[in-house]
């Protein structure tokens, strides 16, 4: 499960105030064994889904072999820029 939220960053660009809103739009899951999956949501916990523990979900993964794996998730955002006009 990966979570992300919309967030806004404010600052100045060429002495003008600028706000940039970042919206999460995609998730890439790399399970560390050569298997990857891309989704438009980070999915939800079994409890939030109303499912029993270890029920298969869109982001589930079963490792073929025992071992130590480094898994990670990349989150993709769109950016909306407001320069006050």
N, C-alpha and C. Protein backbone atom coordinates (compact mmCIF):
# COMPACT_ATOMS: atom_id res chain seq x y z
N UNK A 1 0.85 -1.17 0.00
CA UNK A 1 0.00 0.00 0.00
C UNK A 1 0.89 1.23 0.00
N UNK A 2 0.59 2.16 -0.88
CA UNK A 2 1.32 3.43 -0.93
C UNK A 2 0.30 4.56 -0.81
N UNK A 3 0.61 5.55 -0.01
CA UNK A 3 -0.30 6.67 0.14
C UNK A 3 0.38 7.95 -0.30
N UNK A 4 -0.41 8.84 -0.83
CA UNK A 4 0.08 10.17 -1.19
C UNK A 4 -1.11 11.11 -1.19
N UNK A 5 -0.82 12.38 -1.09
CA UNK A 5 -1.89 13.38 -1.07
C UNK A 5 -1.52 14.53 -2.00
N UNK A 6 -2.51 15.33 -2.32
CA UNK A 6 -2.27 16.56 -3.06
C UNK A 6 -1.52 17.51 -2.13
N UNK A 7 -0.49 18.17 -2.65
CA UNK A 7 0.19 19.17 -1.83
C UNK A 7 0.56 20.37 -2.70
N UNK A 8 0.70 21.52 -2.04
CA UNK A 8 0.98 22.78 -2.73
C UNK A 8 2.28 23.36 -2.22
N UNK A 9 3.07 23.86 -3.15
CA UNK A 9 4.32 24.54 -2.82
C UNK A 9 4.21 25.98 -3.30
N UNK A 10 4.55 26.92 -2.45
CA UNK A 10 4.50 28.34 -2.81
C UNK A 10 5.90 28.93 -2.84
N UNK A 11 6.08 29.92 -3.69
CA UNK A 11 7.37 30.59 -3.77
C UNK A 11 7.28 31.75 -4.74
N UNK A 12 8.43 32.30 -5.10
CA UNK A 12 8.51 33.41 -6.04
C UNK A 12 9.28 32.98 -7.27
N UNK A 13 8.82 33.46 -8.42
CA UNK A 13 9.49 33.22 -9.68
C UNK A 13 9.52 34.55 -10.41
N UNK A 14 10.72 35.05 -10.68
CA UNK A 14 10.89 36.37 -11.30
C UNK A 14 10.15 37.44 -10.50
N UNK A 15 10.30 37.38 -9.19
CA UNK A 15 9.70 38.33 -8.26
C UNK A 15 8.19 38.33 -8.27
N UNK A 16 7.57 37.24 -8.71
CA UNK A 16 6.11 37.10 -8.69
C UNK A 16 5.76 35.87 -7.86
N UNK A 17 4.68 35.95 -7.08
CA UNK A 17 4.27 34.79 -6.30
C UNK A 17 3.73 33.68 -7.21
N UNK A 18 4.14 32.45 -6.90
CA UNK A 18 3.73 31.29 -7.68
C UNK A 18 3.30 30.19 -6.70
N UNK A 19 2.21 29.51 -7.03
CA UNK A 19 1.76 28.33 -6.29
C UNK A 19 1.73 27.15 -7.26
N UNK A 20 2.28 26.03 -6.84
CA UNK A 20 2.24 24.82 -7.65
C UNK A 20 1.55 23.74 -6.83
N UNK A 21 0.49 23.16 -7.42
CA UNK A 21 -0.24 22.08 -6.76
C UNK A 21 0.14 20.77 -7.44
N UNK A 22 0.60 19.81 -6.64
CA UNK A 22 1.02 18.50 -7.12
C UNK A 22 -0.08 17.48 -6.81
N UNK A 23 -0.56 16.79 -7.85
CA UNK A 23 -1.62 15.80 -7.73
C UNK A 23 -1.09 14.41 -8.08
N UNK A 24 -1.20 13.45 -7.16
CA UNK A 24 -0.73 12.09 -7.49
C UNK A 24 -1.62 11.45 -8.56
N UNK A 25 -0.98 10.86 -9.58
CA UNK A 25 -1.76 10.25 -10.67
C UNK A 25 -1.36 8.81 -10.98
N UNK A 26 -0.25 8.35 -10.44
CA UNK A 26 0.17 6.98 -10.75
C UNK A 26 1.20 6.47 -9.78
N UNK A 27 1.27 5.13 -9.68
CA UNK A 27 2.18 4.46 -8.77
C UNK A 27 2.86 3.32 -9.51
N UNK A 28 4.17 3.26 -9.39
CA UNK A 28 4.94 2.14 -9.94
C UNK A 28 5.51 1.34 -8.77
N UNK A 29 5.13 0.09 -8.69
CA UNK A 29 5.61 -0.80 -7.65
C UNK A 29 6.70 -1.69 -8.24
N UNK A 30 7.85 -1.70 -7.60
CA UNK A 30 8.97 -2.57 -7.99
C UNK A 30 9.19 -3.50 -6.81
N UNK A 31 8.93 -4.78 -7.01
CA UNK A 31 8.97 -5.74 -5.91
C UNK A 31 10.36 -6.28 -5.62
N UNK A 32 11.36 -5.87 -6.40
CA UNK A 32 12.74 -6.24 -6.10
C UNK A 32 13.18 -7.57 -6.66
N UNK A 33 12.29 -8.27 -7.34
CA UNK A 33 12.63 -9.57 -7.93
C UNK A 33 12.48 -9.55 -9.45
N UNK A 34 12.44 -8.35 -10.01
CA UNK A 34 12.25 -8.20 -11.45
C UNK A 34 10.80 -8.01 -11.84
N UNK A 35 9.90 -8.10 -10.89
CA UNK A 35 8.48 -7.91 -11.14
C UNK A 35 8.09 -6.49 -10.79
N UNK A 36 7.32 -5.86 -11.68
CA UNK A 36 6.82 -4.51 -11.44
C UNK A 36 5.33 -4.45 -11.75
N UNK A 37 4.70 -3.42 -11.24
CA UNK A 37 3.28 -3.20 -11.52
C UNK A 37 3.02 -1.70 -11.46
N UNK A 38 2.20 -1.21 -12.38
CA UNK A 38 1.80 0.20 -12.39
C UNK A 38 0.30 0.29 -12.16
N UNK A 39 -0.11 1.24 -11.31
CA UNK A 39 -1.52 1.44 -11.01
C UNK A 39 -1.82 2.93 -10.95
N UNK A 40 -3.09 3.26 -10.98
CA UNK A 40 -3.48 4.67 -10.83
C UNK A 40 -3.82 5.00 -9.38
N UNK A 41 -3.84 3.98 -8.52
CA UNK A 41 -4.06 4.20 -7.09
C UNK A 41 -2.98 3.44 -6.32
N UNK A 42 -2.75 3.84 -5.09
CA UNK A 42 -1.79 3.14 -4.25
C UNK A 42 -2.41 1.98 -3.52
N UNK A 43 -3.70 1.75 -3.79
CA UNK A 43 -4.51 0.71 -3.17
C UNK A 43 -4.79 1.07 -1.72
N UNK A 44 -5.46 0.19 -1.01
CA UNK A 44 -5.86 0.43 0.37
C UNK A 44 -5.55 -0.81 1.21
N UNK A 45 -5.57 -0.64 2.51
CA UNK A 45 -5.30 -1.77 3.41
C UNK A 45 -6.45 -2.78 3.31
N UNK A 46 -6.20 -3.99 3.79
CA UNK A 46 -7.26 -5.01 3.80
C UNK A 46 -8.45 -4.53 4.63
N UNK A 47 -8.17 -3.88 5.75
CA UNK A 47 -9.25 -3.38 6.60
C UNK A 47 -10.09 -2.37 5.85
N UNK A 48 -9.44 -1.41 5.18
CA UNK A 48 -10.16 -0.38 4.42
C UNK A 48 -10.96 -0.99 3.28
N UNK A 49 -10.47 -2.10 2.73
CA UNK A 49 -11.18 -2.79 1.65
C UNK A 49 -12.25 -3.73 2.17
N UNK A 50 -12.28 -3.95 3.50
CA UNK A 50 -13.24 -4.87 4.09
C UNK A 50 -12.91 -6.32 3.76
N UNK A 51 -11.63 -6.62 3.59
CA UNK A 51 -11.20 -7.96 3.22
C UNK A 51 -10.38 -8.61 4.34
N UNK A 52 -10.31 -9.92 4.29
CA UNK A 52 -9.49 -10.66 5.26
C UNK A 52 -8.02 -10.43 4.94
N UNK A 53 -7.17 -10.51 5.97
CA UNK A 53 -5.72 -10.38 5.80
C UNK A 53 -5.23 -11.40 4.77
N UNK A 54 -4.32 -10.98 3.92
CA UNK A 54 -3.69 -11.78 2.87
C UNK A 54 -4.61 -12.08 1.68
N UNK A 55 -5.75 -11.39 1.60
CA UNK A 55 -6.58 -11.48 0.40
C UNK A 55 -5.84 -10.77 -0.73
N UNK A 56 -5.90 -11.30 -1.92
CA UNK A 56 -5.23 -10.69 -3.07
C UNK A 56 -5.85 -9.33 -3.39
N UNK A 57 -4.99 -8.35 -3.62
CA UNK A 57 -5.41 -6.99 -4.01
C UNK A 57 -4.68 -6.61 -5.29
N UNK A 58 -5.04 -5.49 -5.92
CA UNK A 58 -4.36 -5.08 -7.16
C UNK A 58 -2.85 -4.84 -7.00
N UNK A 59 -2.38 -4.61 -5.78
CA UNK A 59 -0.95 -4.37 -5.57
C UNK A 59 -0.25 -5.54 -4.88
N UNK A 60 -0.96 -6.65 -4.71
CA UNK A 60 -0.37 -7.84 -4.07
C UNK A 60 0.75 -8.42 -4.92
N UNK A 61 1.65 -9.11 -4.25
CA UNK A 61 2.73 -9.80 -4.96
C UNK A 61 3.17 -11.01 -4.14
N UNK A 62 3.37 -12.13 -4.80
CA UNK A 62 3.89 -13.33 -4.15
C UNK A 62 5.28 -13.60 -4.72
N UNK A 63 6.25 -13.73 -3.85
CA UNK A 63 7.62 -14.02 -4.28
C UNK A 63 7.76 -15.50 -4.60
N UNK A 64 8.43 -15.79 -5.69
CA UNK A 64 8.61 -17.16 -6.14
C UNK A 64 9.61 -17.91 -5.26
N UNK A 65 10.68 -17.22 -4.88
CA UNK A 65 11.75 -17.84 -4.10
C UNK A 65 11.95 -17.11 -2.79
N UNK A 66 12.39 -17.84 -1.78
CA UNK A 66 12.77 -17.21 -0.52
C UNK A 66 13.98 -16.32 -0.76
N UNK A 67 14.09 -15.27 0.01
CA UNK A 67 15.25 -14.39 -0.13
C UNK A 67 14.99 -13.04 0.49
N UNK A 68 15.96 -12.18 0.31
CA UNK A 68 15.85 -10.80 0.77
C UNK A 68 15.68 -9.93 -0.47
N UNK A 69 14.65 -9.12 -0.47
CA UNK A 69 14.32 -8.28 -1.62
C UNK A 69 14.17 -6.83 -1.17
N UNK A 70 14.59 -5.92 -2.00
CA UNK A 70 14.38 -4.50 -1.74
C UNK A 70 13.28 -4.03 -2.67
N UNK A 71 12.13 -3.72 -2.09
CA UNK A 71 10.98 -3.25 -2.87
C UNK A 71 10.85 -1.74 -2.70
N UNK A 72 10.34 -1.08 -3.73
CA UNK A 72 10.09 0.36 -3.61
C UNK A 72 8.94 0.77 -4.52
N UNK A 73 8.41 1.94 -4.23
CA UNK A 73 7.31 2.51 -4.99
C UNK A 73 7.68 3.91 -5.44
N UNK A 74 7.39 4.21 -6.70
CA UNK A 74 7.56 5.57 -7.23
C UNK A 74 6.17 6.15 -7.47
N UNK A 75 5.99 7.39 -7.07
CA UNK A 75 4.70 8.05 -7.24
C UNK A 75 4.85 9.14 -8.30
N UNK A 76 3.92 9.19 -9.25
CA UNK A 76 3.94 10.18 -10.32
C UNK A 76 2.89 11.25 -10.03
N UNK A 77 3.27 12.49 -10.30
CA UNK A 77 2.39 13.63 -10.04
C UNK A 77 2.20 14.47 -11.29
N UNK A 78 1.07 15.16 -11.37
CA UNK A 78 0.91 16.25 -12.31
C UNK A 78 1.13 17.52 -11.51
N UNK A 79 1.45 18.61 -12.20
CA UNK A 79 1.67 19.88 -11.52
C UNK A 79 0.80 20.95 -12.17
N UNK A 80 0.07 21.68 -11.34
CA UNK A 80 -0.74 22.81 -11.79
C UNK A 80 -0.11 24.07 -11.23
N UNK A 81 0.17 25.02 -12.11
CA UNK A 81 0.87 26.24 -11.70
C UNK A 81 -0.09 27.42 -11.71
N UNK A 82 -0.09 28.18 -10.63
CA UNK A 82 -0.93 29.38 -10.50
C UNK A 82 0.01 30.56 -10.32
N UNK A 83 0.02 31.45 -11.30
CA UNK A 83 0.86 32.66 -11.20
C UNK A 83 0.02 33.89 -10.93
N UNK A 84 -1.22 33.67 -10.48
CA UNK A 84 -2.08 34.78 -10.07
C UNK A 84 -2.88 35.41 -11.18
N UNK A 85 -2.77 34.96 -12.38
CA UNK A 85 -3.56 35.51 -13.48
C UNK A 85 -4.46 34.45 -14.03
